Amino acid sequence: MKGLAVSLLVMLVMSCTMLEPCRALTCGDVTSSIAPCTGYLTGKGGATSQCCGGVKKLNGLANNTANRRFACNCMKSNAGRVKGLRYDLINQLPGKCGVGLSFTIDLNRCDS
């Protein structure tokens, strides 16, 4: 019986440590990653190192289709709050930061 309890405890610990890398992406993650890019996305500055760091971080977090859709929908819902947002710059940003994407960012269609 004691061996069974130890085995269950080990399995519980292992499952907890395995779940952390699969942590869900949040809108807060998306917002904090992209926030340093506001100057670039409004045409008032370049893609800074802080901006590109956020783009690279978000690219790593949005590592599957569901997370990419979620990130797109978060950006879509926040886009109206950014005064002067230039949609033409959104797709240029990953390339400016050296991030290659196999899809186009279109906030009207978040299905990439």
N, C-alpha and C. Protein backbone atom coordinates (compact mmCIF):
# COMPACT_ATOMS: atom_id res chain seq x y z
N MET A 1 0.82 -1.19 0.00
CA MET A 1 0.00 0.00 0.00
C MET A 1 0.87 1.26 0.00
N LYS A 2 1.95 1.24 0.79
CA LYS A 2 2.85 2.38 0.84
C LYS A 2 3.49 2.61 -0.52
N GLY A 3 3.83 1.53 -1.23
CA GLY A 3 4.43 1.63 -2.56
C GLY A 3 3.47 2.27 -3.55
N LEU A 4 2.18 1.96 -3.44
CA LEU A 4 1.17 2.53 -4.32
C LEU A 4 1.06 4.03 -4.08
N ALA A 5 1.08 4.43 -2.81
CA ALA A 5 0.98 5.85 -2.48
C ALA A 5 2.18 6.61 -3.03
N VAL A 6 3.37 6.05 -2.92
CA VAL A 6 4.58 6.68 -3.44
C VAL A 6 4.49 6.78 -4.96
N SER A 7 4.03 5.73 -5.61
CA SER A 7 3.89 5.73 -7.07
C SER A 7 2.92 6.81 -7.52
N LEU A 8 1.80 6.94 -6.82
CA LEU A 8 0.82 7.97 -7.17
C LEU A 8 1.39 9.37 -6.97
N LEU A 9 2.15 9.56 -5.91
CA LEU A 9 2.78 10.85 -5.65
C LEU A 9 3.77 11.20 -6.75
N VAL A 10 4.57 10.22 -7.15
CA VAL A 10 5.54 10.44 -8.22
C VAL A 10 4.82 10.80 -9.52
N MET A 11 3.74 10.10 -9.82
CA MET A 11 2.97 10.40 -11.03
C MET A 11 2.37 11.80 -10.98
N LEU A 12 1.90 12.20 -9.81
CA LEU A 12 1.33 13.53 -9.66
C LEU A 12 2.39 14.60 -9.89
N VAL A 13 3.55 14.44 -9.30
CA VAL A 13 4.64 15.40 -9.46
C VAL A 13 5.06 15.46 -10.93
N MET A 14 5.18 14.30 -11.57
CA MET A 14 5.58 14.27 -12.97
C MET A 14 4.55 14.98 -13.85
N SER A 15 3.27 14.77 -13.58
CA SER A 15 2.24 15.40 -14.40
C SER A 15 2.25 16.91 -14.21
N CYS A 16 2.52 17.38 -13.03
CA CYS A 16 2.59 18.82 -12.78
C CYS A 16 3.76 19.45 -13.53
N THR A 17 4.90 18.81 -13.51
CA THR A 17 6.05 19.37 -14.19
C THR A 17 5.90 19.27 -15.70
N MET A 18 5.17 18.30 -16.18
CA MET A 18 4.95 18.17 -17.61
C MET A 18 3.93 19.19 -18.10
N LEU A 19 3.01 19.64 -17.26
CA LEU A 19 2.00 20.58 -17.67
C LEU A 19 2.54 22.00 -17.79
N GLU A 20 3.54 22.36 -17.07
CA GLU A 20 4.06 23.73 -17.10
C GLU A 20 4.49 24.18 -18.49
N PRO A 21 5.23 23.36 -19.25
CA PRO A 21 5.60 23.83 -20.58
C PRO A 21 4.38 24.01 -21.50
N CYS A 22 3.27 23.40 -21.18
CA CYS A 22 2.07 23.49 -22.01
C CYS A 22 1.11 24.56 -21.47
N ARG A 23 1.60 25.42 -20.64
CA ARG A 23 0.80 26.47 -20.03
C ARG A 23 0.03 27.22 -21.11
N ALA A 24 -1.20 27.56 -20.80
CA ALA A 24 -2.06 28.25 -21.76
C ALA A 24 -1.58 29.67 -22.01
N LEU A 25 -1.67 30.09 -23.23
CA LEU A 25 -1.37 31.45 -23.63
C LEU A 25 -2.50 32.34 -23.16
N THR A 26 -2.20 33.51 -22.63
CA THR A 26 -3.23 34.44 -22.17
C THR A 26 -3.18 35.72 -23.00
N CYS A 27 -4.26 36.48 -22.98
CA CYS A 27 -4.26 37.77 -23.66
C CYS A 27 -3.23 38.71 -23.02
N GLY A 28 -3.00 38.52 -21.73
CA GLY A 28 -1.96 39.31 -21.07
C GLY A 28 -0.59 39.03 -21.66
N ASP A 29 -0.31 37.76 -21.97
CA ASP A 29 0.95 37.40 -22.63
C ASP A 29 1.08 38.11 -23.98
N VAL A 30 0.00 38.07 -24.73
CA VAL A 30 -0.01 38.68 -26.06
C VAL A 30 0.20 40.18 -25.95
N THR A 31 -0.57 40.82 -25.08
CA THR A 31 -0.50 42.27 -24.92
C THR A 31 0.87 42.72 -24.45
N SER A 32 1.42 42.04 -23.44
CA SER A 32 2.73 42.46 -22.93
C SER A 32 3.83 42.21 -23.94
N SER A 33 3.67 41.21 -24.79
CA SER A 33 4.68 40.93 -25.81
C SER A 33 4.67 41.98 -26.91
N ILE A 34 3.50 42.44 -27.30
CA ILE A 34 3.36 43.36 -28.42
C ILE A 34 3.38 44.83 -28.00
N ALA A 35 3.12 45.13 -26.75
CA ALA A 35 3.06 46.52 -26.28
C ALA A 35 4.27 47.36 -26.67
N PRO A 36 5.50 46.83 -26.59
CA PRO A 36 6.65 47.66 -26.99
C PRO A 36 6.69 48.00 -28.49
N CYS A 37 5.79 47.41 -29.27
CA CYS A 37 5.76 47.63 -30.72
C CYS A 37 4.79 48.72 -31.13
N THR A 38 4.13 49.36 -30.17
CA THR A 38 3.11 50.35 -30.49
C THR A 38 3.66 51.47 -31.37
N GLY A 39 4.84 51.95 -31.08
CA GLY A 39 5.45 53.00 -31.90
C GLY A 39 5.61 52.58 -33.35
N TYR A 40 6.11 51.38 -33.55
CA TYR A 40 6.27 50.88 -34.91
C TYR A 40 4.92 50.70 -35.59
N LEU A 41 3.98 50.09 -34.89
CA LEU A 41 2.67 49.77 -35.48
C LEU A 41 1.80 50.99 -35.74
N THR A 42 2.18 52.14 -35.20
CA THR A 42 1.47 53.38 -35.48
C THR A 42 2.27 54.28 -36.40
N GLY A 43 3.40 53.77 -36.89
CA GLY A 43 4.22 54.52 -37.82
C GLY A 43 5.02 55.63 -37.19
N LYS A 44 5.23 55.56 -35.88
CA LYS A 44 5.92 56.62 -35.16
C LYS A 44 7.28 56.20 -34.65
N GLY A 45 7.79 55.08 -35.16
CA GLY A 45 9.10 54.61 -34.70
C GLY A 45 9.48 53.32 -35.39
N GLY A 46 10.64 52.85 -35.03
CA GLY A 46 11.12 51.61 -35.62
C GLY A 46 10.80 50.42 -34.73
N ALA A 47 11.18 49.27 -35.22
CA ALA A 47 11.03 48.04 -34.45
C ALA A 47 12.22 47.96 -33.49
N THR A 48 12.00 48.33 -32.25
CA THR A 48 13.07 48.37 -31.25
C THR A 48 13.46 46.97 -30.80
N SER A 49 14.56 46.88 -30.08
CA SER A 49 14.98 45.57 -29.56
C SER A 49 13.96 45.02 -28.58
N GLN A 50 13.31 45.90 -27.79
CA GLN A 50 12.27 45.44 -26.87
C GLN A 50 11.07 44.91 -27.65
N CYS A 51 10.72 45.59 -28.72
CA CYS A 51 9.62 45.15 -29.57
C CYS A 51 9.94 43.79 -30.18
N CYS A 52 11.11 43.67 -30.77
CA CYS A 52 11.48 42.41 -31.42
C CYS A 52 11.60 41.27 -30.41
N GLY A 53 12.06 41.59 -29.22
CA GLY A 53 12.10 40.57 -28.17
C GLY A 53 10.71 40.06 -27.85
N GLY A 54 9.74 40.97 -27.81
CA GLY A 54 8.36 40.58 -27.56
C GLY A 54 7.77 39.76 -28.70
N VAL A 55 8.11 40.14 -29.93
CA VAL A 55 7.63 39.40 -31.10
C VAL A 55 8.18 37.98 -31.07
N LYS A 56 9.46 37.85 -30.74
CA LYS A 56 10.08 36.52 -30.67
C LYS A 56 9.49 35.69 -29.54
N LYS A 57 9.23 36.35 -28.41
CA LYS A 57 8.61 35.65 -27.28
C LYS A 57 7.22 35.15 -27.67
N LEU A 58 6.43 36.04 -28.29
CA LEU A 58 5.07 35.65 -28.69
C LEU A 58 5.10 34.54 -29.73
N ASN A 59 6.05 34.59 -30.64
CA ASN A 59 6.18 33.53 -31.64
C ASN A 59 6.45 32.18 -30.97
N GLY A 60 7.25 32.19 -29.91
CA GLY A 60 7.51 30.96 -29.17
C GLY A 60 6.31 30.47 -28.39
N LEU A 61 5.54 31.41 -27.84
CA LEU A 61 4.35 31.04 -27.06
C LEU A 61 3.22 30.55 -27.95
N ALA A 62 3.09 31.16 -29.13
CA ALA A 62 2.03 30.77 -30.06
C ALA A 62 2.56 29.64 -30.94
N ASN A 63 2.82 28.52 -30.32
CA ASN A 63 3.54 27.42 -30.96
C ASN A 63 2.65 26.38 -31.61
N ASN A 64 1.36 26.64 -31.68
CA ASN A 64 0.46 25.71 -32.37
C ASN A 64 -0.72 26.51 -32.92
N THR A 65 -1.53 25.88 -33.74
CA THR A 65 -2.63 26.57 -34.40
C THR A 65 -3.60 27.20 -33.41
N ALA A 66 -3.95 26.49 -32.36
CA ALA A 66 -4.89 27.02 -31.38
C ALA A 66 -4.33 28.28 -30.70
N ASN A 67 -3.05 28.25 -30.34
CA ASN A 67 -2.44 29.42 -29.70
C ASN A 67 -2.30 30.59 -30.68
N ARG A 68 -2.01 30.29 -31.96
CA ARG A 68 -1.92 31.37 -32.95
C ARG A 68 -3.28 32.02 -33.15
N ARG A 69 -4.34 31.23 -33.21
CA ARG A 69 -5.69 31.79 -33.34
C ARG A 69 -6.04 32.63 -32.12
N PHE A 70 -5.69 32.11 -30.96
CA PHE A 70 -5.98 32.82 -29.71
C PHE A 70 -5.24 34.17 -29.70
N ALA A 71 -3.95 34.16 -30.07
CA ALA A 71 -3.16 35.39 -30.10
C ALA A 71 -3.74 36.38 -31.09
N CYS A 72 -4.14 35.89 -32.24
CA CYS A 72 -4.74 36.75 -33.27
C CYS A 72 -6.02 37.39 -32.73
N ASN A 73 -6.86 36.61 -32.09
CA ASN A 73 -8.11 37.15 -31.54
C ASN A 73 -7.85 38.16 -30.44
N CYS A 74 -6.81 37.95 -29.64
CA CYS A 74 -6.45 38.94 -28.61
C CYS A 74 -6.01 40.24 -29.26
N MET A 75 -5.15 40.12 -30.29
CA MET A 75 -4.70 41.33 -30.99
C MET A 75 -5.88 42.03 -31.66
N LYS A 76 -6.79 41.25 -32.24
CA LYS A 76 -7.96 41.81 -32.90
C LYS A 76 -8.82 42.59 -31.91
N SER A 77 -9.04 42.02 -30.74
CA SER A 77 -9.88 42.69 -29.75
C SER A 77 -9.22 43.94 -29.18
N ASN A 78 -7.89 43.98 -29.17
CA ASN A 78 -7.18 45.15 -28.65
C ASN A 78 -6.85 46.19 -29.71
N ALA A 79 -6.97 45.84 -30.99
CA ALA A 79 -6.57 46.73 -32.07
C ALA A 79 -7.34 48.06 -32.03
N GLY A 80 -8.60 48.02 -31.69
CA GLY A 80 -9.41 49.24 -31.64
C GLY A 80 -8.96 50.22 -30.57
N ARG A 81 -8.20 49.74 -29.61
CA ARG A 81 -7.73 50.60 -28.52
C ARG A 81 -6.44 51.32 -28.86
N VAL A 82 -5.81 50.94 -29.98
CA VAL A 82 -4.54 51.56 -30.37
C VAL A 82 -4.83 52.65 -31.40
N LYS A 83 -4.71 53.88 -30.96
CA LYS A 83 -4.99 55.02 -31.82
C LYS A 83 -3.95 55.09 -32.94
N GLY A 84 -4.43 55.14 -34.17
CA GLY A 84 -3.53 55.28 -35.32
C GLY A 84 -2.86 54.00 -35.77
N LEU A 85 -3.38 52.85 -35.35
CA LEU A 85 -2.80 51.56 -35.74
C LEU A 85 -2.81 51.43 -37.26
N ARG A 86 -1.64 51.09 -37.80
CA ARG A 86 -1.51 50.90 -39.25
C ARG A 86 -1.48 49.41 -39.53
N TYR A 87 -2.58 48.92 -40.08
CA TYR A 87 -2.71 47.49 -40.36
C TYR A 87 -1.69 47.02 -41.38
N ASP A 88 -1.22 47.91 -42.24
CA ASP A 88 -0.23 47.52 -43.24
C ASP A 88 1.11 47.15 -42.59
N LEU A 89 1.36 47.64 -41.40
CA LEU A 89 2.64 47.36 -40.72
C LEU A 89 2.61 46.06 -39.91
N ILE A 90 1.42 45.55 -39.63
CA ILE A 90 1.30 44.35 -38.80
C ILE A 90 2.04 43.17 -39.43
N ASN A 91 1.86 42.94 -40.72
CA ASN A 91 2.51 41.81 -41.38
C ASN A 91 3.99 42.04 -41.62
N GLN A 92 4.42 43.28 -41.61
CA GLN A 92 5.84 43.58 -41.80
C GLN A 92 6.65 43.37 -40.52
N LEU A 93 5.99 43.47 -39.39
CA LEU A 93 6.69 43.42 -38.10
C LEU A 93 7.50 42.14 -37.88
N PRO A 94 6.93 40.95 -38.08
CA PRO A 94 7.75 39.75 -37.85
C PRO A 94 9.05 39.75 -38.68
N GLY A 95 8.95 40.12 -39.95
CA GLY A 95 10.14 40.16 -40.80
C GLY A 95 11.15 41.18 -40.32
N LYS A 96 10.69 42.33 -39.85
CA LYS A 96 11.59 43.37 -39.30
C LYS A 96 12.35 42.83 -38.10
N CYS A 97 11.74 41.88 -37.40
CA CYS A 97 12.36 41.31 -36.20
C CYS A 97 13.05 39.98 -36.46
N GLY A 98 13.14 39.59 -37.73
CA GLY A 98 13.83 38.35 -38.06
C GLY A 98 13.05 37.09 -37.73
N VAL A 99 11.73 37.22 -37.65
CA VAL A 99 10.87 36.07 -37.36
C VAL A 99 10.14 35.69 -38.65
N GLY A 100 10.38 34.49 -39.13
CA GLY A 100 9.71 34.02 -40.33
C GLY A 100 8.42 33.32 -39.97
N LEU A 101 7.34 33.74 -40.60
CA LEU A 101 6.04 33.10 -40.38
C LEU A 101 5.60 32.42 -41.66
N SER A 102 4.94 31.30 -41.53
CA SER A 102 4.46 30.57 -42.69
C SER A 102 3.01 30.95 -43.02
N PHE A 103 2.54 32.05 -42.46
CA PHE A 103 1.17 32.50 -42.67
C PHE A 103 1.13 34.02 -42.62
N THR A 104 0.05 34.58 -43.11
CA THR A 104 -0.15 36.02 -43.09
C THR A 104 -1.01 36.37 -41.88
N ILE A 105 -0.66 37.45 -41.22
CA ILE A 105 -1.47 37.92 -40.09
C ILE A 105 -2.59 38.77 -40.66
N ASP A 106 -3.81 38.37 -40.41
CA ASP A 106 -4.98 39.10 -40.86
C ASP A 106 -5.96 39.15 -39.68
N LEU A 107 -6.06 40.30 -39.06
CA LEU A 107 -6.92 40.43 -37.87
C LEU A 107 -8.39 40.29 -38.20
N ASN A 108 -8.73 40.28 -39.49
CA ASN A 108 -10.12 40.04 -39.88
C ASN A 108 -10.42 38.55 -39.96
N ARG A 109 -9.36 37.73 -40.10
CA ARG A 109 -9.52 36.27 -40.20
C ARG A 109 -8.47 35.63 -39.31
N CYS A 110 -8.84 35.26 -38.15
CA CYS A 110 -7.89 34.65 -37.20
C CYS A 110 -7.98 33.14 -37.28
N ASP A 111 -7.58 32.60 -38.41
CA ASP A 111 -7.66 31.16 -38.58
C ASP A 111 -6.36 30.54 -39.10
N SER A 112 -5.24 31.21 -38.84
CA SER A 112 -3.96 30.70 -39.34
C SER A 112 -3.49 29.49 -38.59
